[in-house]
Protein backbone atom coordinates (compact mmCIF):
# COMPACT_ATOMS: atom_id res chain seq x y z
CA MET A 1 -45.85 -13.95 -16.48
CA ALA A 2 -43.83 -12.49 -13.62
CA SER A 3 -42.93 -14.59 -10.60
CA ASP A 4 -44.36 -13.97 -7.14
CA LEU A 5 -42.02 -12.53 -4.53
CA SER A 6 -43.41 -15.02 -2.00
CA PHE A 7 -42.28 -17.95 -4.20
CA VAL A 8 -38.79 -16.47 -4.56
CA GLU A 9 -38.50 -15.92 -0.81
CA TYR A 10 -39.66 -19.49 -0.16
CA ALA A 11 -37.15 -20.96 -2.63
CA CYS A 12 -34.34 -18.91 -1.04
CA GLU A 13 -35.38 -20.06 2.41
CA GLN A 14 -35.36 -23.69 1.27
CA MET A 15 -31.75 -23.43 0.00
CA GLY A 16 -30.49 -21.31 2.90
CA ALA A 17 -28.05 -23.93 4.21
CA ALA A 18 -26.01 -23.63 0.99
CA GLY A 19 -24.45 -20.31 2.03
CA ALA A 20 -25.25 -16.62 1.70
CA ILE A 21 -28.39 -16.60 -0.47
CA THR A 22 -29.71 -13.38 -2.00
CA PHE A 23 -31.94 -12.53 -4.94
CA ARG A 24 -32.41 -9.67 -7.36
CA LYS A 25 -35.31 -8.78 -9.60
CA MET A 26 -34.39 -8.79 -13.28
CA PHE A 27 -36.81 -8.17 -16.15
CA GLY A 28 -39.84 -9.17 -14.08
CA GLU A 29 -38.20 -12.40 -12.95
CA TYR A 30 -35.46 -13.13 -10.39
CA ALA A 31 -31.82 -14.20 -10.24
CA ILE A 32 -30.75 -16.11 -7.13
CA TYR A 33 -27.22 -15.72 -5.85
CA CYS A 34 -25.16 -17.95 -3.57
CA GLU A 35 -21.96 -16.39 -2.22
CA GLY A 36 -22.28 -13.65 -4.85
CA LYS A 37 -22.62 -16.00 -7.84
CA VAL A 38 -25.79 -16.43 -9.89
CA VAL A 39 -26.77 -20.06 -9.30
CA ALA A 40 -30.42 -20.08 -10.29
CA LEU A 41 -33.28 -18.19 -11.90
CA VAL A 42 -36.93 -18.02 -10.95
CA CYS A 43 -39.15 -17.63 -14.00
CA ASP A 44 -42.93 -18.12 -13.99
CA ASN A 45 -42.73 -19.34 -10.38
CA ARG A 46 -40.40 -22.19 -11.35
CA LEU A 47 -36.84 -22.69 -10.08
CA PHE A 48 -34.13 -23.20 -12.70
CA VAL A 49 -30.62 -24.08 -11.46
CA LYS A 50 -27.54 -23.45 -13.61
CA PRO A 51 -26.27 -26.76 -14.94
CA THR A 52 -22.79 -27.87 -13.83
CA ALA A 53 -21.18 -31.32 -13.85
CA ALA A 54 -21.46 -31.66 -10.06
CA GLY A 55 -25.00 -30.30 -10.11
CA ARG A 56 -26.03 -32.88 -12.69
CA GLU A 57 -24.60 -35.63 -10.46
CA VAL A 58 -26.76 -34.45 -7.55
CA ALA A 59 -29.81 -33.83 -9.73
CA ARG A 60 -29.73 -37.04 -11.73
CA SER A 61 -33.46 -37.20 -12.41
CA LEU A 62 -34.19 -33.51 -13.00
CA ALA A 63 -35.37 -32.46 -16.42
CA GLU A 64 -33.56 -29.68 -18.24
CA SER A 65 -35.52 -26.81 -19.69
CA PRO A 66 -34.79 -23.24 -20.76
CA PRO A 67 -36.09 -20.69 -18.24
CA TYR A 68 -37.18 -18.35 -21.04
CA PRO A 69 -37.30 -18.51 -24.85
CA GLY A 70 -33.85 -18.56 -26.41
CA ALA A 71 -32.03 -19.51 -23.17
CA LYS A 72 -29.81 -22.54 -22.68
CA PRO A 73 -31.37 -25.38 -20.68
CA TYR A 74 -31.18 -25.21 -16.88
CA LEU A 75 -32.01 -27.89 -14.31
CA LEU A 76 -35.72 -27.55 -13.56
CA VAL A 77 -36.49 -28.14 -9.86
CA GLY A 78 -40.01 -29.41 -9.22
CA GLU A 79 -41.24 -31.11 -6.07
CA GLU A 80 -37.60 -31.41 -4.94
CA LEU A 81 -38.02 -27.81 -3.78
CA GLU A 82 -39.62 -29.22 -0.62
CA ASP A 83 -36.41 -31.06 0.38
CA ARG A 84 -34.24 -28.38 2.03
CA GLU A 85 -31.19 -30.59 2.52
CA TRP A 86 -31.18 -31.87 -1.05
CA LEU A 87 -31.77 -28.41 -2.55
CA SER A 88 -29.09 -26.78 -0.38
CA ASN A 89 -26.63 -29.46 -1.49
CA LEU A 90 -27.49 -28.89 -5.16
CA ILE A 91 -26.99 -25.13 -4.80
CA ARG A 92 -23.74 -25.59 -2.82
CA VAL A 93 -22.11 -27.89 -5.42
CA THR A 94 -23.33 -25.65 -8.24
CA GLU A 95 -21.85 -22.53 -6.63
CA ARG A 96 -18.48 -24.22 -6.10
CA GLU A 97 -18.15 -25.03 -9.82
CA LEU A 98 -19.09 -21.59 -11.09
CA PRO A 99 -16.34 -19.02 -11.76
CA GLU A 100 -15.98 -15.98 -9.55
CA PRO A 101 -18.01 -13.02 -10.83
CA LYS A 102 -16.06 -10.48 -12.83
CA GLU A 103 -15.42 -7.16 -11.16
CA ARG A 104 -17.46 -4.35 -12.64
CA LYS A 105 -15.56 -1.32 -13.77
CA LYS A 106 -16.68 1.95 -12.29
CA LYS A 107 -18.16 4.43 -14.71
CA PHE A 108 -16.49 7.83 -14.68
CA ARG A 109 -18.44 10.89 -15.67
């Protein structure tokens, strides 16, 4: 089941204080970026945040679940989505622990 664009936009709005938030549609679902790094996925209208040590400290009570079959577990955000300050903090600490994205090589034809 594909996620609704309105849910993705709402989730991005809720975490807006974390930094530059963008999203991109991928395979019918969405990847959410903070400062150019993938920090979360939206699958079936549920928000999954990449697990990091600092993120787990902030999200002590969140369950972990794979966003799609065969994926590693992510932090599953539920009603915490309503708390902008908490969610922005979770996204901010997660982004800081993730490595910089690798530069893509240009294809020559």
